[in-house]
Amino acid sequence: MKDFAKKHPINKSKTRRVKTSLRAKREMNQPLKMKHLLVIAGMSTLLLVVSNLILQTDVANVRSNVSNPKVEFLYPIELAKDTVLIELEGIVVEEDCEYLIQIESYGQRVYAQEQLTSLLSLGLKSYVEKTFSSKQPEKPLFRVMSGPYLNKSEVNNARELLIKNNRQPLIYKKCTKN
């Protein structure tokens, strides 16, 4: 039979063990001692002396004797001499573009109409457009659109107004070739 009397806290010995896990096991050293700094300084001095002897550089020869330099910019004159003519016929096709903004898409027309009334109160030219999803072609979607805008400046102004009113608009560009 086993004696459990020694395991009771009253019967345990009073000696305390000091935990060494919290003590540093070695001294704290500085990252660079003085002897390391002296070695680095000596090596850099030796490198400078040897490079001066090998390369035989003289600082006085590198300096120039110009006292008042004059700078002339001949860019416009040189640009006129080097003109390049490009024929744009056939490269650029004139397009008539307009910009549209999609504000939101809804599955029911009622929600799209509510969004439309709030956009009209902001002063934007808006309308609801019926479209179909490519994932579910039998289910119609109702897009709330704004526009058309004739240039990027107008569409960006309308986009900023929508962003300030907590909406995330998408910009579409529709172009027709002339």
N, C-alpha and C. Protein backbone atom coordinates (compact mmCIF):
# COMPACT_ATOMS: atom_id res chain seq x y z
N MET A 1 0.82 -1.17 0.00
CA MET A 1 0.00 0.00 0.00
C MET A 1 0.87 1.25 0.00
N LYS A 2 0.37 2.30 -0.63
CA LYS A 2 1.14 3.52 -0.79
C LYS A 2 0.80 4.52 0.30
N ASP A 3 1.84 5.25 0.75
CA ASP A 3 1.64 6.23 1.81
C ASP A 3 1.46 7.60 1.17
N PHE A 4 0.28 8.18 1.32
CA PHE A 4 -0.01 9.49 0.74
C PHE A 4 0.15 10.62 1.75
N ALA A 5 0.64 10.35 2.93
CA ALA A 5 0.77 11.36 3.97
C ALA A 5 1.80 12.41 3.61
N LYS A 6 2.84 12.04 2.86
CA LYS A 6 3.87 13.01 2.50
C LYS A 6 3.36 14.01 1.46
N LYS A 7 2.33 13.68 0.77
CA LYS A 7 1.83 14.57 -0.28
C LYS A 7 0.96 15.68 0.25
N HIS A 8 0.56 15.63 1.48
CA HIS A 8 -0.26 16.68 2.07
C HIS A 8 0.61 17.92 2.27
N PRO A 9 0.09 19.15 2.02
CA PRO A 9 0.90 20.36 2.10
C PRO A 9 1.52 20.60 3.47
N ILE A 10 0.94 20.10 4.52
CA ILE A 10 1.49 20.30 5.87
C ILE A 10 2.77 19.49 6.03
N ASN A 11 2.83 18.33 5.43
CA ASN A 11 3.96 17.42 5.60
C ASN A 11 5.11 17.69 4.62
N LYS A 12 4.96 18.60 3.70
CA LYS A 12 6.01 18.88 2.72
C LYS A 12 7.13 19.65 3.37
N SER A 13 8.32 19.51 2.83
CA SER A 13 9.48 20.22 3.36
C SER A 13 9.39 21.70 2.99
N LYS A 14 10.01 22.55 3.81
CA LYS A 14 9.91 23.99 3.66
C LYS A 14 10.95 24.57 2.70
N THR A 15 11.79 23.77 2.13
CA THR A 15 12.81 24.30 1.22
C THR A 15 12.15 24.75 -0.08
N ARG A 16 12.59 25.88 -0.53
CA ARG A 16 12.05 26.43 -1.77
C ARG A 16 13.10 26.34 -2.86
N ARG A 17 12.65 25.96 -4.02
CA ARG A 17 13.55 25.93 -5.16
C ARG A 17 13.41 27.25 -5.91
N VAL A 18 14.50 27.76 -6.36
CA VAL A 18 14.49 28.99 -7.14
C VAL A 18 14.43 28.59 -8.61
N LYS A 19 13.45 29.11 -9.29
CA LYS A 19 13.31 28.78 -10.71
C LYS A 19 14.35 29.55 -11.52
N THR A 20 15.12 28.82 -12.28
CA THR A 20 16.17 29.46 -13.08
C THR A 20 15.68 29.83 -14.47
N SER A 21 14.45 29.50 -14.76
CA SER A 21 13.95 29.81 -16.09
C SER A 21 13.75 31.31 -16.29
N LEU A 22 13.61 32.07 -15.23
CA LEU A 22 13.39 33.50 -15.37
C LEU A 22 14.68 34.30 -15.29
N ARG A 23 15.79 33.65 -14.97
CA ARG A 23 17.06 34.34 -14.87
C ARG A 23 17.78 34.31 -16.21
N ALA A 24 18.58 35.31 -16.45
CA ALA A 24 19.42 35.32 -17.64
C ALA A 24 20.55 34.33 -17.43
N LYS A 25 20.82 33.52 -18.42
CA LYS A 25 21.84 32.51 -18.28
C LYS A 25 23.22 33.03 -18.62
N ARG A 26 23.29 34.20 -19.27
CA ARG A 26 24.59 34.80 -19.58
C ARG A 26 24.49 36.30 -19.43
N GLU A 27 25.61 36.93 -19.44
CA GLU A 27 25.63 38.37 -19.25
C GLU A 27 25.10 39.08 -20.50
N MET A 28 24.53 40.24 -20.28
CA MET A 28 24.07 41.06 -21.40
C MET A 28 25.28 41.76 -22.02
N ASN A 29 25.52 41.51 -23.27
CA ASN A 29 26.66 42.10 -23.96
C ASN A 29 26.21 43.25 -24.83
N GLN A 30 27.06 44.21 -24.99
CA GLN A 30 26.78 45.30 -25.91
C GLN A 30 26.96 44.77 -27.32
N PRO A 31 26.19 45.29 -28.27
CA PRO A 31 26.31 44.77 -29.63
C PRO A 31 27.68 45.04 -30.25
N LEU A 32 28.25 46.21 -30.00
CA LEU A 32 29.58 46.54 -30.52
C LEU A 32 30.44 47.00 -29.35
N LYS A 33 31.50 46.26 -29.12
CA LYS A 33 32.42 46.67 -28.07
C LYS A 33 33.42 47.64 -28.67
N MET A 34 34.20 48.25 -27.80
CA MET A 34 35.16 49.25 -28.23
C MET A 34 36.21 48.64 -29.16
N LYS A 35 36.62 47.40 -28.91
CA LYS A 35 37.63 46.79 -29.77
C LYS A 35 37.09 46.55 -31.18
N HIS A 36 35.78 46.28 -31.30
CA HIS A 36 35.18 46.12 -32.63
C HIS A 36 35.18 47.44 -33.39
N LEU A 37 34.84 48.53 -32.70
CA LEU A 37 34.84 49.84 -33.34
C LEU A 37 36.23 50.23 -33.81
N LEU A 38 37.25 49.92 -33.00
CA LEU A 38 38.62 50.23 -33.40
C LEU A 38 39.05 49.41 -34.61
N VAL A 39 38.64 48.15 -34.67
CA VAL A 39 38.98 47.31 -35.82
C VAL A 39 38.31 47.85 -37.08
N ILE A 40 37.05 48.26 -36.99
CA ILE A 40 36.34 48.81 -38.16
C ILE A 40 36.99 50.12 -38.61
N ALA A 41 37.35 50.99 -37.68
CA ALA A 41 37.99 52.25 -38.04
C ALA A 41 39.36 51.99 -38.67
N GLY A 42 40.12 51.03 -38.15
CA GLY A 42 41.43 50.71 -38.70
C GLY A 42 41.33 50.13 -40.10
N MET A 43 40.34 49.25 -40.32
CA MET A 43 40.14 48.65 -41.65
C MET A 43 39.74 49.71 -42.68
N SER A 44 38.87 50.65 -42.29
CA SER A 44 38.46 51.69 -43.25
C SER A 44 39.62 52.63 -43.56
N THR A 45 40.46 52.94 -42.56
CA THR A 45 41.64 53.78 -42.82
C THR A 45 42.61 53.07 -43.74
N LEU A 46 42.83 51.80 -43.50
CA LEU A 46 43.72 51.01 -44.35
C LEU A 46 43.18 50.94 -45.78
N LEU A 47 41.87 50.79 -45.94
CA LEU A 47 41.27 50.75 -47.26
C LEU A 47 41.46 52.08 -47.99
N LEU A 48 41.29 53.20 -47.31
CA LEU A 48 41.48 54.51 -47.93
C LEU A 48 42.93 54.71 -48.37
N VAL A 49 43.88 54.32 -47.55
CA VAL A 49 45.31 54.50 -47.88
C VAL A 49 45.68 53.62 -49.07
N VAL A 50 45.25 52.36 -49.06
CA VAL A 50 45.58 51.45 -50.16
C VAL A 50 44.92 51.91 -51.45
N SER A 51 43.66 52.35 -51.41
CA SER A 51 43.00 52.82 -52.64
C SER A 51 43.66 54.08 -53.17
N ASN A 52 44.14 54.95 -52.30
CA ASN A 52 44.83 56.16 -52.75
C ASN A 52 46.14 55.79 -53.44
N LEU A 53 46.86 54.80 -52.91
CA LEU A 53 48.12 54.38 -53.53
C LEU A 53 47.89 53.65 -54.85
N ILE A 54 46.90 52.79 -54.89
CA ILE A 54 46.65 52.00 -56.11
C ILE A 54 46.06 52.87 -57.21
N LEU A 55 45.05 53.66 -56.89
CA LEU A 55 44.37 54.46 -57.91
C LEU A 55 45.08 55.76 -58.22
N GLN A 56 45.96 56.21 -57.36
CA GLN A 56 46.73 57.44 -57.51
C GLN A 56 45.82 58.63 -57.87
N THR A 57 44.82 58.84 -57.06
CA THR A 57 43.90 59.95 -57.31
C THR A 57 44.39 61.20 -56.60
N ASP A 58 44.14 62.31 -57.25
CA ASP A 58 44.49 63.59 -56.67
C ASP A 58 43.24 64.45 -56.73
N VAL A 59 42.78 64.94 -55.63
CA VAL A 59 41.54 65.70 -55.56
C VAL A 59 41.65 67.00 -56.34
N ALA A 60 42.82 67.60 -56.40
CA ALA A 60 43.01 68.88 -57.09
C ALA A 60 42.77 68.73 -58.58
N ASN A 61 43.03 67.58 -59.18
CA ASN A 61 42.83 67.39 -60.61
C ASN A 61 41.36 67.19 -60.97
N VAL A 62 40.56 66.80 -60.02
CA VAL A 62 39.16 66.54 -60.30
C VAL A 62 38.37 67.84 -60.37
N ARG A 63 38.76 68.83 -59.64
CA ARG A 63 38.03 70.11 -59.62
C ARG A 63 38.25 70.86 -60.93
N SER A 64 37.21 71.59 -61.34
CA SER A 64 37.33 72.35 -62.58
C SER A 64 37.69 73.80 -62.28
N ASN A 65 38.11 74.49 -63.32
CA ASN A 65 38.53 75.88 -63.16
C ASN A 65 37.50 76.87 -63.68
N VAL A 66 36.25 76.45 -63.92
CA VAL A 66 35.22 77.34 -64.45
C VAL A 66 34.70 78.21 -63.31
N SER A 67 34.72 79.52 -63.53
CA SER A 67 34.28 80.42 -62.47
C SER A 67 32.83 80.85 -62.66
N ASN A 68 32.42 81.19 -63.88
CA ASN A 68 31.04 81.61 -64.17
C ASN A 68 30.48 80.76 -65.31
N PRO A 69 29.85 79.67 -65.01
CA PRO A 69 29.30 78.85 -66.09
C PRO A 69 28.03 79.48 -66.66
N LYS A 70 27.86 79.35 -67.97
CA LYS A 70 26.65 79.84 -68.64
C LYS A 70 25.90 78.63 -69.18
N VAL A 71 24.60 78.61 -68.90
CA VAL A 71 23.77 77.51 -69.35
C VAL A 71 22.79 78.05 -70.38
N GLU A 72 22.72 77.38 -71.53
CA GLU A 72 21.76 77.76 -72.57
C GLU A 72 20.81 76.60 -72.80
N PHE A 73 19.54 76.93 -72.83
CA PHE A 73 18.53 75.93 -73.12
C PHE A 73 18.10 76.10 -74.56
N LEU A 74 18.40 75.12 -75.39
CA LEU A 74 18.06 75.18 -76.80
C LEU A 74 16.94 74.19 -77.14
N TYR A 75 16.16 73.83 -76.16
CA TYR A 75 15.13 72.82 -76.38
C TYR A 75 14.11 73.22 -77.45
N PRO A 76 13.50 74.41 -77.40
CA PRO A 76 12.51 74.74 -78.44
C PRO A 76 13.13 74.79 -79.83
N ILE A 77 14.35 75.26 -79.95
CA ILE A 77 15.00 75.35 -81.25
C ILE A 77 15.30 73.96 -81.78
N GLU A 78 15.83 73.10 -80.95
CA GLU A 78 16.16 71.74 -81.36
C GLU A 78 14.89 70.94 -81.65
N LEU A 79 13.84 71.21 -80.94
CA LEU A 79 12.59 70.50 -81.17
C LEU A 79 12.01 70.87 -82.53
N ALA A 80 12.15 72.12 -82.93
CA ALA A 80 11.64 72.54 -84.24
C ALA A 80 12.40 71.86 -85.37
N LYS A 81 13.68 71.59 -85.19
CA LYS A 81 14.47 70.92 -86.22
C LYS A 81 14.10 69.44 -86.34
N ASP A 82 13.74 68.82 -85.24
CA ASP A 82 13.46 67.39 -85.24
C ASP A 82 11.96 67.11 -85.26
N THR A 83 11.25 67.72 -86.15
CA THR A 83 9.81 67.49 -86.22
C THR A 83 9.53 66.17 -86.90
N VAL A 84 8.47 65.52 -86.43
CA VAL A 84 8.05 64.25 -87.00
C VAL A 84 6.58 64.40 -87.37
N LEU A 85 6.25 64.11 -88.61
CA LEU A 85 4.87 64.19 -89.07
C LEU A 85 4.26 62.80 -89.07
N ILE A 86 3.08 62.69 -88.50
CA ILE A 86 2.38 61.42 -88.45
C ILE A 86 1.04 61.62 -89.13
N GLU A 87 0.72 60.74 -90.06
CA GLU A 87 -0.58 60.80 -90.70
C GLU A 87 -1.56 60.00 -89.86
N LEU A 88 -2.58 60.66 -89.39
CA LEU A 88 -3.54 60.03 -88.50
C LEU A 88 -4.70 59.38 -89.26
N GLU A 89 -4.76 59.56 -90.54
CA GLU A 89 -5.87 59.00 -91.30
C GLU A 89 -5.77 57.47 -91.28
N GLY A 90 -6.79 56.82 -90.86
CA GLY A 90 -6.78 55.37 -90.76
C GLY A 90 -6.39 54.87 -89.38
N ILE A 91 -5.70 55.69 -88.61
CA ILE A 91 -5.30 55.26 -87.27
C ILE A 91 -6.38 55.65 -86.27
N VAL A 92 -6.77 56.90 -86.29
CA VAL A 92 -7.77 57.38 -85.35
C VAL A 92 -9.13 57.40 -86.04
N VAL A 93 -10.08 56.75 -85.41
CA VAL A 93 -11.44 56.74 -85.93
C VAL A 93 -12.24 57.66 -85.03
N GLU A 94 -12.92 58.59 -85.63
CA GLU A 94 -13.71 59.53 -84.84
C GLU A 94 -14.92 58.81 -84.28
N GLU A 95 -15.09 58.91 -82.99
CA GLU A 95 -16.19 58.24 -82.33
C GLU A 95 -17.07 59.26 -81.61
N ASP A 96 -18.33 58.97 -81.59
CA ASP A 96 -19.28 59.78 -80.85
C ASP A 96 -19.64 58.99 -79.60
N CYS A 97 -19.16 59.46 -78.45
CA CYS A 97 -19.32 58.71 -77.20
C CYS A 97 -20.22 59.45 -76.23
N GLU A 98 -20.91 58.66 -75.44
CA GLU A 98 -21.68 59.18 -74.33
C GLU A 98 -21.45 58.28 -73.13
N TYR A 99 -21.61 58.84 -71.95
CA TYR A 99 -21.33 58.11 -70.71
C TYR A 99 -22.61 57.92 -69.93
N LEU A 100 -22.73 56.74 -69.33
CA LEU A 100 -23.88 56.41 -68.49
C LEU A 100 -23.37 55.94 -67.14
N ILE A 101 -24.17 56.12 -66.13
CA ILE A 101 -23.83 55.64 -64.79
C ILE A 101 -24.90 54.67 -64.34
N GLN A 102 -24.45 53.47 -63.92
CA GLN A 102 -25.37 52.52 -63.30
C GLN A 102 -25.24 52.68 -61.80
N ILE A 103 -26.35 53.00 -61.16
CA ILE A 103 -26.33 53.23 -59.73
C ILE A 103 -26.54 51.92 -58.98
N GLU A 104 -27.55 51.15 -59.39
CA GLU A 104 -27.88 49.91 -58.67
C GLU A 104 -28.74 49.05 -59.58
N SER A 105 -28.77 47.73 -59.31
CA SER A 105 -29.67 46.79 -59.99
C SER A 105 -30.55 46.13 -58.96
N TYR A 106 -31.82 45.96 -59.31
CA TYR A 106 -32.78 45.36 -58.40
C TYR A 106 -33.53 44.25 -59.10
N GLY A 107 -34.03 43.30 -58.32
CA GLY A 107 -34.82 42.21 -58.87
C GLY A 107 -36.29 42.57 -59.02
N GLN A 108 -36.75 43.63 -58.34
CA GLN A 108 -38.13 44.06 -58.45
C GLN A 108 -38.18 45.53 -58.83
N ARG A 109 -39.14 45.86 -59.67
CA ARG A 109 -39.26 47.22 -60.18
C ARG A 109 -39.58 48.23 -59.07
N VAL A 110 -40.26 47.80 -58.02
CA VAL A 110 -40.67 48.70 -56.93
C VAL A 110 -39.44 49.32 -56.27
N TYR A 111 -38.42 48.50 -56.02
CA TYR A 111 -37.23 49.01 -55.35
C TYR A 111 -36.45 49.95 -56.28
N ALA A 112 -36.46 49.64 -57.56
CA ALA A 112 -35.80 50.51 -58.53
C ALA A 112 -36.50 51.86 -58.61
N GLN A 113 -37.82 51.87 -58.53
CA GLN A 113 -38.57 53.12 -58.57
C GLN A 113 -38.28 53.98 -57.33
N GLU A 114 -38.13 53.32 -56.17
CA GLU A 114 -37.79 54.07 -54.95
C GLU A 114 -36.42 54.74 -55.09
N GLN A 115 -35.46 54.00 -55.62
CA GLN A 115 -34.13 54.56 -55.84
C GLN A 115 -34.18 55.70 -56.85
N LEU A 116 -35.03 55.56 -57.87
CA LEU A 116 -35.16 56.58 -58.91
C LEU A 116 -35.68 57.89 -58.32
N THR A 117 -36.66 57.82 -57.43
CA THR A 117 -37.19 59.06 -56.84
C THR A 117 -36.14 59.75 -55.98
N SER A 118 -35.30 58.98 -55.28
CA SER A 118 -34.25 59.62 -54.47
C SER A 118 -33.19 60.26 -55.36
N LEU A 119 -32.91 59.67 -56.54
CA LEU A 119 -31.93 60.26 -57.46
C LEU A 119 -32.47 61.51 -58.13
N LEU A 120 -33.74 61.50 -58.44
CA LEU A 120 -34.34 62.69 -59.05
C LEU A 120 -34.33 63.86 -58.08
N SER A 121 -34.43 63.56 -56.77
CA SER A 121 -34.37 64.64 -55.78
C SER A 121 -32.95 65.23 -55.68
N LEU A 122 -31.93 64.46 -56.11
CA LEU A 122 -30.56 64.98 -56.14
C LEU A 122 -30.30 65.84 -57.38
N GLY A 123 -31.22 65.79 -58.32
CA GLY A 123 -31.07 66.60 -59.53
C GLY A 123 -30.37 65.88 -60.67
N LEU A 124 -30.34 64.57 -60.65
CA LEU A 124 -29.69 63.79 -61.72
C LEU A 124 -30.73 63.29 -62.71
N LYS A 125 -30.34 63.28 -64.00
CA LYS A 125 -31.20 62.71 -65.02
C LYS A 125 -31.12 61.19 -64.88
N SER A 126 -32.20 60.55 -64.42
CA SER A 126 -32.17 59.12 -64.13
C SER A 126 -33.36 58.42 -64.74
N TYR A 127 -33.21 57.11 -64.93
CA TYR A 127 -34.29 56.28 -65.45
C TYR A 127 -34.04 54.84 -65.04
N VAL A 128 -35.09 54.00 -65.19
CA VAL A 128 -35.01 52.58 -64.88
C VAL A 128 -34.99 51.82 -66.19
N GLU A 129 -34.08 50.85 -66.30
CA GLU A 129 -33.90 50.07 -67.53
C GLU A 129 -34.08 48.60 -67.19
N LYS A 130 -34.86 47.88 -67.99
CA LYS A 130 -35.07 46.46 -67.77
C LYS A 130 -34.00 45.69 -68.55
N THR A 131 -33.34 44.76 -67.87
CA THR A 131 -32.29 43.96 -68.50
C THR A 131 -32.36 42.55 -67.94
N PHE A 132 -31.55 41.64 -68.51
CA PHE A 132 -31.56 40.25 -68.07
C PHE A 132 -30.14 39.84 -67.71
N SER A 133 -30.03 39.00 -66.69
CA SER A 133 -28.74 38.52 -66.22
C SER A 133 -28.24 37.39 -67.11
N SER A 134 -26.94 37.28 -67.27
CA SER A 134 -26.38 36.19 -68.06
C SER A 134 -26.44 34.87 -67.28
N LYS A 135 -26.46 34.95 -65.97
CA LYS A 135 -26.54 33.73 -65.15
C LYS A 135 -27.97 33.20 -65.06
N GLN A 136 -28.95 34.11 -65.01
CA GLN A 136 -30.36 33.72 -64.95
C GLN A 136 -31.11 34.49 -66.03
N PRO A 137 -31.08 34.01 -67.29
CA PRO A 137 -31.69 34.78 -68.38
C PRO A 137 -33.21 34.90 -68.30
N GLU A 138 -33.87 34.05 -67.52
CA GLU A 138 -35.33 34.15 -67.42
C GLU A 138 -35.77 35.18 -66.39
N LYS A 139 -34.87 35.62 -65.51
CA LYS A 139 -35.23 36.55 -64.45
C LYS A 139 -34.82 37.97 -64.85
N PRO A 140 -35.78 38.91 -64.92
CA PRO A 140 -35.43 40.28 -65.30
C PRO A 140 -34.80 41.04 -64.12
N LEU A 141 -33.92 41.96 -64.47
CA LEU A 141 -33.32 42.88 -63.51
C LEU A 141 -33.68 44.30 -63.91
N PHE A 142 -33.79 45.16 -62.93
CA PHE A 142 -34.13 46.55 -63.19
C PHE A 142 -32.96 47.42 -62.74
N ARG A 143 -32.27 47.99 -63.72
CA ARG A 143 -31.11 48.83 -63.43
C ARG A 143 -31.53 50.29 -63.33
N VAL A 144 -31.03 50.95 -62.31
CA VAL A 144 -31.26 52.39 -62.18
C VAL A 144 -30.05 53.07 -62.82
N MET A 145 -30.31 53.81 -63.89
CA MET A 145 -29.25 54.43 -64.68
C MET A 145 -29.38 55.95 -64.63
N SER A 146 -28.25 56.61 -64.87
CA SER A 146 -28.24 58.06 -64.93
C SER A 146 -27.47 58.46 -66.17
N GLY A 147 -27.96 59.48 -66.84
CA GLY A 147 -27.26 59.95 -68.03
C GLY A 147 -28.22 60.13 -69.17
N PRO A 148 -27.75 60.32 -70.35
CA PRO A 148 -26.37 60.26 -70.83
C PRO A 148 -25.61 61.57 -70.55
N TYR A 149 -24.30 61.42 -70.36
CA TYR A 149 -23.40 62.56 -70.18
C TYR A 149 -22.49 62.62 -71.40
N LEU A 150 -22.21 63.83 -71.87
CA LEU A 150 -21.47 63.98 -73.12
C LEU A 150 -19.96 63.95 -72.94
N ASN A 151 -19.45 64.26 -71.75
CA ASN A 151 -17.99 64.23 -71.55
C ASN A 151 -17.65 63.66 -70.18
N LYS A 152 -16.38 63.39 -70.00
CA LYS A 152 -15.93 62.77 -68.75
C LYS A 152 -16.11 63.69 -67.55
N SER A 153 -16.01 64.98 -67.76
CA SER A 153 -16.15 65.92 -66.66
C SER A 153 -17.55 65.83 -66.05
N GLU A 154 -18.57 65.80 -66.89
CA GLU A 154 -19.95 65.71 -66.39
C GLU A 154 -20.18 64.40 -65.65
N VAL A 155 -19.70 63.29 -66.22
CA VAL A 155 -19.93 61.99 -65.59
C VAL A 155 -19.17 61.88 -64.28
N ASN A 156 -17.98 62.46 -64.19
CA ASN A 156 -17.22 62.43 -62.94
C ASN A 156 -17.89 63.28 -61.85
N ASN A 157 -18.46 64.41 -62.24
CA ASN A 157 -19.19 65.24 -61.27
C ASN A 157 -20.40 64.49 -60.71
N ALA A 158 -21.14 63.81 -61.59
CA ALA A 158 -22.30 63.05 -61.15
C ALA A 158 -21.87 61.87 -60.27
N ARG A 159 -20.77 61.24 -60.63
CA ARG A 159 -20.26 60.11 -59.85
C ARG A 159 -19.86 60.55 -58.44
N GLU A 160 -19.19 61.69 -58.34
CA GLU A 160 -18.79 62.21 -57.02
C GLU A 160 -20.01 62.54 -56.16
N LEU A 161 -21.05 63.08 -56.78
CA LEU A 161 -22.28 63.37 -56.05
C LEU A 161 -22.91 62.09 -55.52
N LEU A 162 -22.88 61.03 -56.32
CA LEU A 162 -23.45 59.75 -55.89
C LEU A 162 -22.62 59.11 -54.78
N ILE A 163 -21.30 59.23 -54.87
CA ILE A 163 -20.43 58.67 -53.83
C ILE A 163 -20.66 59.39 -52.51
N LYS A 164 -20.85 60.73 -52.57
CA LYS A 164 -21.12 61.48 -51.34
C LYS A 164 -22.44 61.08 -50.70
N ASN A 165 -23.36 60.53 -51.51
CA ASN A 165 -24.66 60.08 -51.00
C ASN A 165 -24.69 58.57 -50.78
N ASN A 166 -23.53 57.99 -50.47
CA ASN A 166 -23.40 56.57 -50.08
C ASN A 166 -23.87 55.60 -51.15
N ARG A 167 -23.49 55.84 -52.38
CA ARG A 167 -23.79 54.91 -53.47
C ARG A 167 -22.48 54.54 -54.15
N GLN A 168 -22.47 53.40 -54.83
CA GLN A 168 -21.27 52.94 -55.52
C GLN A 168 -21.58 52.80 -57.01
N PRO A 169 -21.47 53.89 -57.77
CA PRO A 169 -21.86 53.86 -59.17
C PRO A 169 -20.80 53.21 -60.07
N LEU A 170 -21.27 52.69 -61.20
CA LEU A 170 -20.41 52.16 -62.25
C LEU A 170 -20.58 53.05 -63.48
N ILE A 171 -19.49 53.32 -64.18
CA ILE A 171 -19.53 54.18 -65.36
C ILE A 171 -19.46 53.31 -66.61
N TYR A 172 -20.37 53.55 -67.53
CA TYR A 172 -20.39 52.88 -68.83
C TYR A 172 -20.12 53.90 -69.92
N LYS A 173 -19.40 53.47 -70.95
CA LYS A 173 -19.11 54.33 -72.09
C LYS A 173 -19.69 53.67 -73.33
N LYS A 174 -20.59 54.38 -74.00
CA LYS A 174 -21.18 53.89 -75.24
C LYS A 174 -20.69 54.76 -76.39
N CYS A 175 -20.07 54.12 -77.35
CA CYS A 175 -19.51 54.88 -78.49
C CYS A 175 -20.09 54.33 -79.79
N THR A 176 -20.30 55.25 -80.72
CA THR A 176 -20.68 54.87 -82.08
C THR A 176 -19.68 55.47 -83.05
N LYS A 177 -19.25 54.68 -84.04
CA LYS A 177 -18.25 55.14 -84.99
C LYS A 177 -18.93 55.98 -86.06
N ASN A 178 -18.26 57.06 -86.46
CA ASN A 178 -18.81 57.91 -87.54
C ASN A 178 -18.14 57.60 -88.85
